[in-house]
Amino acid sequence: MMFHGLAVVSADFFLAQHKNHLASEWASAEDFRHLQEALDKAHGCVMGRVTHDLHPNIKKRRRIVLTRSIAAECITNHHTLFINPLEHDKTDFLEKIGNHSGGDRLCILGGADIYRFWLENHGYTGFDLTIEHNIMFGTGIALFQCREGNATDPRDAFGSCGMSLASTRPLNDRGTVLYRLGQPLP
């Protein structure tokens, strides 16, 4: 399976200022277009419960929602599979999400706990990181944190896992830059 992460962060590497702060409220339209194009190539999207709750599934994409609020059983609701990854061994978990998605290309969409869980337990084939260099939050929810609790440059976190920068592309003239690490989605 291919696991491709997608995230947009502020210049100081925050995903949001608080739990209910949507990227659609501050990220560029160019990043949103890039996200939609990537999702169109994927067989399914992996996200946490909060991300799922905040974003209606308008296009009826297959979703895998990781949540600790259910027991080991998987609950399927139309296009959505709710699963507690901590209650399944790795092989069983990957089989269940693969069966639900109907393919081998999954996009990992966050939030922060999901990005970290995936990095630590499954790794990424590739990751598209958009940095909105013209936006600073100062505090918030970091994509990755160092021990002191400060936001850490995600490119460094991926580098420590063996992923290298494959390409850099400006998405607009206002400072929005797409950093592609690892392999792109085919």
Protein backbone atom coordinates (compact mmCIF):
# COMPACT_ATOMS: atom_id res chain seq x y z
CA MET A 1 0.00 0.00 0.00
CA MET A 2 1.02 3.59 -0.60
CA PHE A 3 0.56 6.03 2.27
CA HIS A 4 0.71 9.66 1.20
CA GLY A 5 0.38 12.44 3.73
CA LEU A 6 -1.03 15.87 2.94
CA ALA A 7 -0.79 18.85 5.29
CA VAL A 8 -0.71 22.63 5.24
CA VAL A 9 1.08 24.53 7.99
CA SER A 10 1.80 28.13 8.91
CA ALA A 11 5.33 29.53 8.56
CA ASP A 12 5.92 28.54 12.20
CA PHE A 13 4.78 24.94 11.47
CA PHE A 14 1.33 24.91 13.06
CA LEU A 15 -1.62 23.06 11.54
CA ALA A 16 -4.10 25.32 13.33
CA GLN A 17 -4.38 27.75 16.23
CA HIS A 18 -6.88 25.53 18.08
CA LYS A 19 -8.86 22.28 17.71
CA ASN A 20 -11.70 23.69 15.59
CA HIS A 21 -9.56 26.01 13.42
CA LEU A 22 -10.08 24.87 9.84
CA ALA A 23 -7.34 25.17 7.23
CA SER A 24 -10.04 26.43 4.85
CA GLU A 25 -10.22 29.57 7.03
CA TRP A 26 -6.57 30.53 6.46
CA ALA A 27 -4.83 28.37 3.81
CA SER A 28 -4.60 29.49 0.19
CA ALA A 29 -7.02 28.52 -2.54
CA GLU A 30 -4.03 27.06 -4.42
CA ASP A 31 -3.32 24.66 -1.57
CA PHE A 32 -6.99 23.63 -1.49
CA ARG A 33 -6.86 22.87 -5.24
CA HIS A 34 -3.72 20.80 -4.74
CA LEU A 35 -5.43 18.87 -1.92
CA GLN A 36 -8.48 18.11 -4.06
CA GLU A 37 -6.32 16.92 -6.98
CA ALA A 38 -4.38 14.58 -4.67
CA LEU A 39 -7.57 13.22 -3.11
CA ASP A 40 -8.98 12.50 -6.57
CA LYS A 41 -6.00 10.15 -7.15
CA ALA A 42 -6.41 8.31 -3.84
CA HIS A 43 -8.59 5.29 -3.09
CA GLY A 44 -9.30 6.45 0.45
CA CYS A 45 -8.57 9.08 3.08
CA VAL A 46 -7.35 8.39 6.62
CA MET A 47 -8.16 10.95 9.31
CA GLY A 48 -8.97 11.36 12.96
CA ARG A 49 -12.48 11.76 14.31
CA VAL A 50 -12.21 15.55 14.79
CA THR A 51 -11.02 16.07 11.21
CA HIS A 52 -13.86 13.84 10.01
CA ASP A 53 -16.45 15.73 12.09
CA LEU A 54 -15.25 19.15 10.87
CA HIS A 55 -15.24 18.27 7.17
CA PRO A 56 -18.43 16.91 5.58
CA ASN A 57 -17.82 14.18 3.01
CA ILE A 58 -19.40 16.08 0.12
CA LYS A 59 -17.70 14.06 -2.63
CA LYS A 60 -18.53 10.76 -0.90
CA ARG A 61 -14.90 9.66 -0.80
CA ARG A 62 -14.02 6.52 1.13
CA ARG A 63 -12.90 7.53 4.61
CA ILE A 64 -11.09 5.64 7.31
CA VAL A 65 -11.61 7.42 10.62
CA LEU A 66 -9.17 6.49 13.37
CA THR A 67 -10.72 6.87 16.81
CA ARG A 68 -10.11 5.58 20.32
CA SER A 69 -13.78 6.10 21.20
CA ILE A 70 -14.92 2.71 19.84
CA ALA A 71 -14.04 -0.85 20.79
CA ALA A 72 -12.07 -3.18 18.54
CA GLU A 73 -14.97 -3.70 16.15
CA CYS A 74 -15.10 -1.64 13.02
CA ILE A 75 -18.24 0.35 12.38
CA THR A 76 -19.01 1.03 8.75
CA ASN A 77 -21.34 3.88 7.89
CA HIS A 78 -21.86 4.37 4.12
CA HIS A 79 -18.48 5.54 2.80
CA THR A 80 -16.89 5.73 6.24
CA LEU A 81 -15.07 3.10 8.29
CA PHE A 82 -14.53 3.93 11.98
CA ILE A 83 -11.70 1.91 13.48
CA ASN A 84 -9.64 1.91 16.67
CA PRO A 85 -6.10 1.14 15.45
CA LEU A 86 -4.90 0.38 18.98
CA GLU A 87 -7.27 -2.61 19.18
CA HIS A 88 -5.94 -4.38 16.05
CA ASP A 89 -2.59 -5.89 15.21
CA LYS A 90 -0.81 -4.16 12.34
CA THR A 91 -1.63 -6.81 9.71
CA ASP A 92 -5.34 -6.95 10.61
CA PHE A 93 -5.56 -3.14 10.73
CA LEU A 94 -3.97 -2.69 7.30
CA GLU A 95 -6.17 -5.43 5.84
CA LYS A 96 -9.35 -3.78 7.17
CA ILE A 97 -8.48 -0.32 5.86
CA GLY A 98 -7.31 -1.77 2.53
CA ASN A 99 -10.58 -3.66 2.11
CA HIS A 100 -12.62 -0.54 2.90
CA SER A 101 -10.67 1.76 0.58
CA GLY A 102 -10.86 -0.66 -2.33
CA GLY A 103 -7.34 0.16 -3.46
CA ASP A 104 -3.75 0.64 -2.45
CA ARG A 105 -3.39 4.46 -2.40
CA LEU A 106 -4.38 6.18 0.84
CA CYS A 107 -4.04 9.83 1.76
CA ILE A 108 -3.36 10.62 5.42
CA LEU A 109 -5.12 13.89 6.31
CA GLY A 110 -4.53 14.37 10.03
CA GLY A 111 -4.96 15.79 12.60
CA ALA A 112 -1.69 16.00 14.43
CA ASP A 113 -2.12 12.77 16.41
CA ILE A 114 -2.91 10.86 13.22
CA TYR A 115 0.13 12.24 11.37
CA ARG A 116 2.38 11.20 14.28
CA PHE A 117 0.70 7.80 14.69
CA TRP A 118 1.14 7.06 10.99
CA LEU A 119 4.77 8.19 10.94
CA GLU A 120 5.63 6.06 13.97
CA ASN A 121 3.64 2.94 13.01
CA HIS A 122 3.40 2.73 9.23
CA GLY A 123 5.56 5.41 7.65
CA TYR A 124 4.80 7.41 4.54
CA THR A 125 5.55 6.63 0.92
CA GLY A 126 5.36 10.36 0.27
CA PHE A 127 4.19 13.56 1.90
CA ASP A 128 3.02 16.83 0.36
CA LEU A 129 3.67 19.61 2.85
CA THR A 130 2.41 23.07 2.00
CA ILE A 131 3.90 25.91 4.02
CA GLU A 132 2.03 29.21 4.00
CA HIS A 133 5.15 31.34 4.52
CA ASN A 134 3.10 34.54 4.88
CA ILE A 135 1.11 33.29 7.91
CA MET A 136 2.41 33.05 11.50
CA PHE A 137 0.27 31.71 14.36
CA GLY A 138 2.74 31.97 17.26
CA THR A 139 1.04 29.10 19.09
CA GLY A 140 -1.29 26.30 18.15
CA ILE A 141 -1.37 22.65 17.13
CA ALA A 142 1.97 21.61 15.66
CA LEU A 143 2.35 19.02 12.95
CA PHE A 144 5.34 17.76 14.97
CA GLN A 145 6.73 18.98 18.29
CA CYS A 146 10.15 18.79 19.82
CA ARG A 147 10.53 17.76 23.46
CA GLU A 148 10.29 21.35 24.65
CA GLY A 149 6.79 21.51 23.14
CA ASN A 150 7.73 23.93 20.37
CA ALA A 151 6.71 23.27 16.79
CA THR A 152 9.44 21.55 14.81
CA ASP A 153 10.10 21.92 11.10
CA PRO A 154 8.29 18.89 9.64
CA ARG A 155 10.92 18.55 6.92
CA ASP A 156 13.43 17.70 9.68
CA ALA A 157 11.09 15.11 11.22
CA PHE A 158 10.67 13.38 7.87
CA GLY A 159 14.41 13.58 7.21
CA SER A 160 15.10 11.73 10.45
CA CYS A 161 12.89 8.91 9.08
CA GLY A 162 14.83 8.68 5.83
CA MET A 163 12.50 10.74 3.63
CA SER A 164 14.23 13.35 1.51
CA LEU A 165 12.94 16.43 -0.23
CA ALA A 166 11.99 15.42 -3.77
CA SER A 167 10.78 18.79 -5.09
CA THR A 168 9.72 22.31 -4.16
CA ARG A 169 7.12 24.30 -6.05
CA PRO A 170 5.61 27.73 -5.36
CA LEU A 171 1.81 27.55 -5.51
CA ASN A 172 1.31 31.32 -5.71
CA ASP A 173 3.22 34.61 -5.43
CA ARG A 174 2.12 35.20 -1.81
CA GLY A 175 4.56 32.74 -0.24
CA THR A 176 2.69 29.44 -0.47
CA VAL A 177 5.18 26.67 -1.24
CA LEU A 178 4.59 22.95 -1.76
CA TYR A 179 7.37 20.67 -0.48
CA ARG A 180 7.12 17.12 -1.78
CA LEU A 181 8.95 14.53 0.31
CA GLY A 182 9.40 10.97 -0.90
CA GLN A 183 7.35 9.71 -3.84
CA PRO A 184 4.37 11.50 -5.43
CA LEU A 185 0.98 9.83 -5.75
CA PRO A 186 0.82 8.11 -9.17
